[in-house]
Amino acid sequence: MGASQSKGESEPMVFVNEENPVPVRVSSSFVNQISHSQPEAASQRDIENQVRQRVQAELTKIQTEQNKFVDYKSDANANVTEQDMDHLAKHAPSKHVKVLPEEITKAQDALVACYKKNAERSLDCWAEVQEFKELVQKAQNAFLATP
């Protein structure tokens, strides 16, 4: 039984492609020659060195492009930020602190004093709250009535 399997070395091997059914015959000595042939160690080192050089060149190129992009982006952001600040400074409404009428300020102070005095019983300040609300309502109506 085993003798028939070892005979295969002297007979040629036959390969058939399913798409193109043309048999290809290859002798076993040719298969052995191809399978045992190794590229020389020097050529392997040369190939390895070339690959390393190409990889290093690509990495350097990518890093250079990234640095250019980062520099451009930071410059663009700085310019945009300055433009935004200038725009806001020109178009932002200036803070006009309007002085409240004296009666509203007095009512507000009285309300705050009442809340501080009655910290745990804030409902005792209902009269001060009502007075403050009425004065604020009067001021709002006066403001809306003026053209």
C-alpha atoms as a PDB file:
ATOM      1  CA  MET A   1       0.000   0.000   0.000  1.00  0.00           C
ATOM      2  CA  GLY A   2       2.643   2.512   0.983  1.00  0.00           C
ATOM      3  CA  ALA A   3       4.704   1.668  -2.080  1.00  0.00           C
ATOM      4  CA  SER A   4       2.141   3.158  -4.452  1.00  0.00           C
ATOM      5  CA  GLN A   5       2.255   6.522  -2.703  1.00  0.00           C
ATOM      6  CA  SER A   6       6.031   6.853  -2.898  1.00  0.00           C
ATOM      7  CA  LYS A   7       5.938   6.178  -6.637  1.00  0.00           C
ATOM      8  CA  GLY A   8       4.488   9.657  -7.236  1.00  0.00           C
ATOM      9  CA  GLU A   9       7.940  11.257  -7.303  1.00  0.00           C
ATOM     10  CA  SER A  10       8.888   9.752 -10.623  1.00  0.00           C
ATOM     11  CA  GLU A  11       5.537  10.511 -12.269  1.00  0.00           C
ATOM     12  CA  PRO A  12       4.647  14.064 -13.287  1.00  0.00           C
ATOM     13  CA  MET A  13       1.996  15.943 -11.268  1.00  0.00           C
ATOM     14  CA  VAL A  14      -1.131  17.072 -13.131  1.00  0.00           C
ATOM     15  CA  PHE A  15      -3.068  20.259 -12.187  1.00  0.00           C
ATOM     16  CA  VAL A  16      -6.425  21.163 -13.750  1.00  0.00           C
ATOM     17  CA  ASN A  17      -7.978  24.611 -13.548  1.00  0.00           C
ATOM     18  CA  GLU A  18     -11.754  24.411 -13.097  1.00  0.00           C
ATOM     19  CA  GLU A  19     -12.451  27.471 -15.246  1.00  0.00           C
ATOM     20  CA  ASN A  20     -10.097  26.457 -18.036  1.00  0.00           C
ATOM     21  CA  PRO A  21      -9.868  22.631 -18.083  1.00  0.00           C
ATOM     22  CA  VAL A  22      -6.430  22.362 -19.643  1.00  0.00           C
ATOM     23  CA  PRO A  23      -4.202  19.964 -17.702  1.00  0.00           C
ATOM     24  CA  VAL A  24      -0.779  21.307 -16.716  1.00  0.00           C
ATOM     25  CA  ARG A  25       1.933  18.704 -16.081  1.00  0.00           C
ATOM     26  CA  VAL A  26       4.783  19.491 -13.746  1.00  0.00           C
ATOM     27  CA  SER A  27       7.532  17.053 -12.929  1.00  0.00           C
ATOM     28  CA  SER A  28       8.283  16.308  -9.301  1.00  0.00           C
ATOM     29  CA  SER A  29      11.922  17.340  -9.755  1.00  0.00           C
ATOM     30  CA  PHE A  30      10.764  20.813 -10.833  1.00  0.00           C
ATOM     31  CA  VAL A  31       8.432  21.070  -7.820  1.00  0.00           C
ATOM     32  CA  ASN A  32      11.295  20.029  -5.501  1.00  0.00           C
ATOM     33  CA  GLN A  33      13.634  22.556  -7.096  1.00  0.00           C
ATOM     34  CA  ILE A  34      11.144  25.401  -6.612  1.00  0.00           C
ATOM     35  CA  SER A  35      10.190  24.444  -3.065  1.00  0.00           C
ATOM     36  CA  HIS A  36      13.822  24.130  -1.914  1.00  0.00           C
ATOM     37  CA  SER A  37      15.126  27.263  -3.547  1.00  0.00           C
ATOM     38  CA  GLN A  38      15.522  30.142  -1.071  1.00  0.00           C
ATOM     39  CA  PRO A  39      16.491  33.681  -1.951  1.00  0.00           C
ATOM     40  CA  GLU A  40      19.986  34.549  -0.851  1.00  0.00           C
ATOM     41  CA  ALA A  41      20.400  36.092   2.596  1.00  0.00           C
ATOM     42  CA  ALA A  42      21.985  39.200   1.089  1.00  0.00           C
ATOM     43  CA  SER A  43      19.035  39.797  -1.215  1.00  0.00           C
ATOM     44  CA  GLN A  44      16.621  39.340   1.707  1.00  0.00           C
ATOM     45  CA  ARG A  45      18.521  41.992   3.672  1.00  0.00           C
ATOM     46  CA  ASP A  46      18.449  44.305   0.660  1.00  0.00           C
ATOM     47  CA  ILE A  47      14.715  43.845   0.283  1.00  0.00           C
ATOM     48  CA  GLU A  48      14.184  44.417   3.999  1.00  0.00           C
ATOM     49  CA  ASN A  49      16.291  47.589   3.911  1.00  0.00           C
ATOM     50  CA  GLN A  50      14.363  48.911   0.912  1.00  0.00           C
ATOM     51  CA  VAL A  51      11.068  48.271   2.666  1.00  0.00           C
ATOM     52  CA  ARG A  52      12.290  50.043   5.810  1.00  0.00           C
ATOM     53  CA  GLN A  53      13.507  53.022   3.784  1.00  0.00           C
ATOM     54  CA  ARG A  54      10.203  53.327   1.953  1.00  0.00           C
ATOM     55  CA  VAL A  55       8.207  53.056   5.170  1.00  0.00           C
ATOM     56  CA  GLN A  56      10.408  55.690   6.827  1.00  0.00           C
ATOM     57  CA  ALA A  57      10.032  58.000   3.818  1.00  0.00           C
ATOM     58  CA  GLU A  58       6.245  57.648   3.909  1.00  0.00           C
ATOM     59  CA  LEU A  59       6.135  58.292   7.661  1.00  0.00           C
ATOM     60  CA  THR A  60       8.257  61.410   7.238  1.00  0.00           C
ATOM     61  CA  LYS A  61       6.000  62.615   4.437  1.00  0.00           C
ATOM     62  CA  ILE A  62       2.856  62.045   6.515  1.00  0.00           C
ATOM     63  CA  GLN A  63       4.326  63.827   9.546  1.00  0.00           C
ATOM     64  CA  THR A  64       5.306  66.797   7.395  1.00  0.00           C
ATOM     65  CA  GLU A  65       1.780  67.029   5.986  1.00  0.00           C
ATOM     66  CA  GLN A  66       0.277  66.788   9.464  1.00  0.00           C
ATOM     67  CA  ASN A  67       2.549  69.550  10.757  1.00  0.00           C
ATOM     68  CA  LYS A  68       1.580  71.792   7.851  1.00  0.00           C
ATOM     69  CA  PHE A  69      -2.094  71.131   8.509  1.00  0.00           C
ATOM     70  CA  VAL A  70      -1.778  71.813  12.246  1.00  0.00           C
ATOM     71  CA  ASP A  71       0.135  75.053  11.600  1.00  0.00           C
ATOM     72  CA  TYR A  72      -2.451  76.180   9.053  1.00  0.00           C
ATOM     73  CA  LYS A  73      -5.336  75.274  11.341  1.00  0.00           C
ATOM     74  CA  SER A  74      -3.876  77.123  14.343  1.00  0.00           C
ATOM     75  CA  ASP A  75      -3.184  80.224  12.213  1.00  0.00           C
ATOM     76  CA  ALA A  76      -6.715  80.104  10.826  1.00  0.00           C
ATOM     77  CA  ASN A  77      -8.187  79.731  14.329  1.00  0.00           C
ATOM     78  CA  ALA A  78      -6.159  82.691  15.597  1.00  0.00           C
ATOM     79  CA  ASN A  79      -7.378  84.865  12.733  1.00  0.00           C
ATOM     80  CA  VAL A  80     -10.985  83.792  13.216  1.00  0.00           C
ATOM     81  CA  THR A  81     -10.783  84.424  16.953  1.00  0.00           C
ATOM     82  CA  GLU A  82      -9.444  87.957  16.440  1.00  0.00           C
ATOM     83  CA  GLN A  83     -12.129  88.670  13.849  1.00  0.00           C
ATOM     84  CA  ASP A  84     -14.831  87.336  16.150  1.00  0.00           C
ATOM     85  CA  MET A  85     -13.607  89.468  19.031  1.00  0.00           C
ATOM     86  CA  ASP A  86     -13.541  92.581  16.856  1.00  0.00           C
ATOM     87  CA  HIS A  87     -17.021  91.836  15.559  1.00  0.00           C
ATOM     88  CA  LEU A  88     -18.386  91.307  19.067  1.00  0.00           C
ATOM     89  CA  ALA A  89     -16.731  94.460  20.354  1.00  0.00           C
ATOM     90  CA  LYS A  90     -18.322  96.520  17.562  1.00  0.00           C
ATOM     91  CA  HIS A  91     -21.770  94.970  17.660  1.00  0.00           C
ATOM     92  CA  ALA A  92     -22.256  94.056  21.299  1.00  0.00           C
ATOM     93  CA  PRO A  93     -24.647  96.319  23.106  1.00  0.00           C
ATOM     94  CA  SER A  94     -22.908  98.471  25.615  1.00  0.00           C
ATOM     95  CA  LYS A  95     -23.923  97.929  29.180  1.00  0.00           C
ATOM     96  CA  HIS A  96     -26.012 100.831  30.270  1.00  0.00           C
ATOM     97  CA  VAL A  97     -26.778 100.453  33.926  1.00  0.00           C
ATOM     98  CA  LYS A  98     -30.086 102.044  34.479  1.00  0.00           C
ATOM     99  CA  VAL A  99     -30.538 103.577  37.879  1.00  0.00           C
ATOM    100  CA  LEU A 100     -33.683 102.374  39.562  1.00  0.00           C
ATOM    101  CA  PRO A 101     -36.047 104.916  41.043  1.00  0.00           C
ATOM    102  CA  GLU A 102     -35.408 105.616  44.700  1.00  0.00           C
ATOM    103  CA  GLU A 103     -38.749 104.216  45.855  1.00  0.00           C
ATOM    104  CA  ILE A 104     -38.030 100.834  44.141  1.00  0.00           C
ATOM    105  CA  THR A 105     -34.546 100.707  45.687  1.00  0.00           C
ATOM    106  CA  LYS A 106     -36.020 101.419  49.153  1.00  0.00           C
ATOM    107  CA  ALA A 107     -38.681  98.724  48.697  1.00  0.00           C
ATOM    108  CA  GLN A 108     -36.032  96.261  47.501  1.00  0.00           C
ATOM    109  CA  ASP A 109     -33.830  96.984  50.528  1.00  0.00           C
ATOM    110  CA  ALA A 110     -36.809  96.590  52.861  1.00  0.00           C
ATOM    111  CA  LEU A 111     -37.674  93.246  51.244  1.00  0.00           C
ATOM    112  CA  VAL A 112     -34.104  91.930  51.568  1.00  0.00           C
ATOM    113  CA  ALA A 113     -33.939  93.074  55.195  1.00  0.00           C
ATOM    114  CA  CYS A 114     -37.248  91.310  55.921  1.00  0.00           C
ATOM    115  CA  TYR A 115     -35.991  88.081  54.316  1.00  0.00           C
ATOM    116  CA  LYS A 116     -32.810  88.244  56.383  1.00  0.00           C
ATOM    117  CA  LYS A 117     -34.763  88.942  59.581  1.00  0.00           C
ATOM    118  CA  ASN A 118     -37.282  86.159  58.910  1.00  0.00           C
ATOM    119  CA  ALA A 119     -35.008  83.560  57.279  1.00  0.00           C
ATOM    120  CA  GLU A 120     -37.120  80.638  58.471  1.00  0.00           C
ATOM    121  CA  ARG A 121     -40.491  82.366  58.089  1.00  0.00           C
ATOM    122  CA  SER A 122     -40.256  84.040  54.683  1.00  0.00           C
ATOM    123  CA  LEU A 123     -44.044  84.203  54.326  1.00  0.00           C
ATOM    124  CA  ASP A 124     -44.044  86.905  56.993  1.00  0.00           C
ATOM    125  CA  CYS A 125     -42.629  89.254  54.321  1.00  0.00           C
ATOM    126  CA  TRP A 126     -45.739  89.163  52.157  1.00  0.00           C
ATOM    127  CA  ALA A 127     -46.452  92.874  52.637  1.00  0.00           C
ATOM    128  CA  GLU A 128     -42.952  93.894  51.506  1.00  0.00           C
ATOM    129  CA  VAL A 129     -43.197  91.557  48.488  1.00  0.00           C
ATOM    130  CA  GLN A 130     -46.556  93.054  47.516  1.00  0.00           C
ATOM    131  CA  GLU A 131     -45.258  96.625  47.786  1.00  0.00           C
ATOM    132  CA  PHE A 132     -42.157  95.775  45.719  1.00  0.00           C
ATOM    133  CA  LYS A 133     -44.262  94.070  43.021  1.00  0.00           C
ATOM    134  CA  GLU A 134     -46.587  97.072  42.749  1.00  0.00           C
ATOM    135  CA  LEU A 135     -43.703  99.537  42.403  1.00  0.00           C
ATOM    136  CA  VAL A 136     -42.013  97.390  39.736  1.00  0.00           C
ATOM    137  CA  GLN A 137     -45.302  97.089  37.835  1.00  0.00           C
ATOM    138  CA  LYS A 138     -45.733 100.867  37.885  1.00  0.00           C
ATOM    139  CA  ALA A 139     -42.176 101.348  36.568  1.00  0.00           C
ATOM    140  CA  GLN A 140     -42.770  98.800  33.774  1.00  0.00           C
ATOM    141  CA  ASN A 141     -46.018 100.471  32.734  1.00  0.00           C
ATOM    142  CA  ALA A 142     -44.322 103.876  32.707  1.00  0.00           C
ATOM    143  CA  PHE A 143     -41.470 102.532  30.605  1.00  0.00           C
ATOM    144  CA  LEU A 144     -43.811 100.935  28.077  1.00  0.00           C
ATOM    145  CA  ALA A 145     -45.954 104.069  27.873  1.00  0.00           C
ATOM    146  CA  THR A 146     -43.011 106.284  26.856  1.00  0.00           C
ATOM    147  CA  PRO A 147     -42.303 106.312  23.128  1.00  0.00           C
END
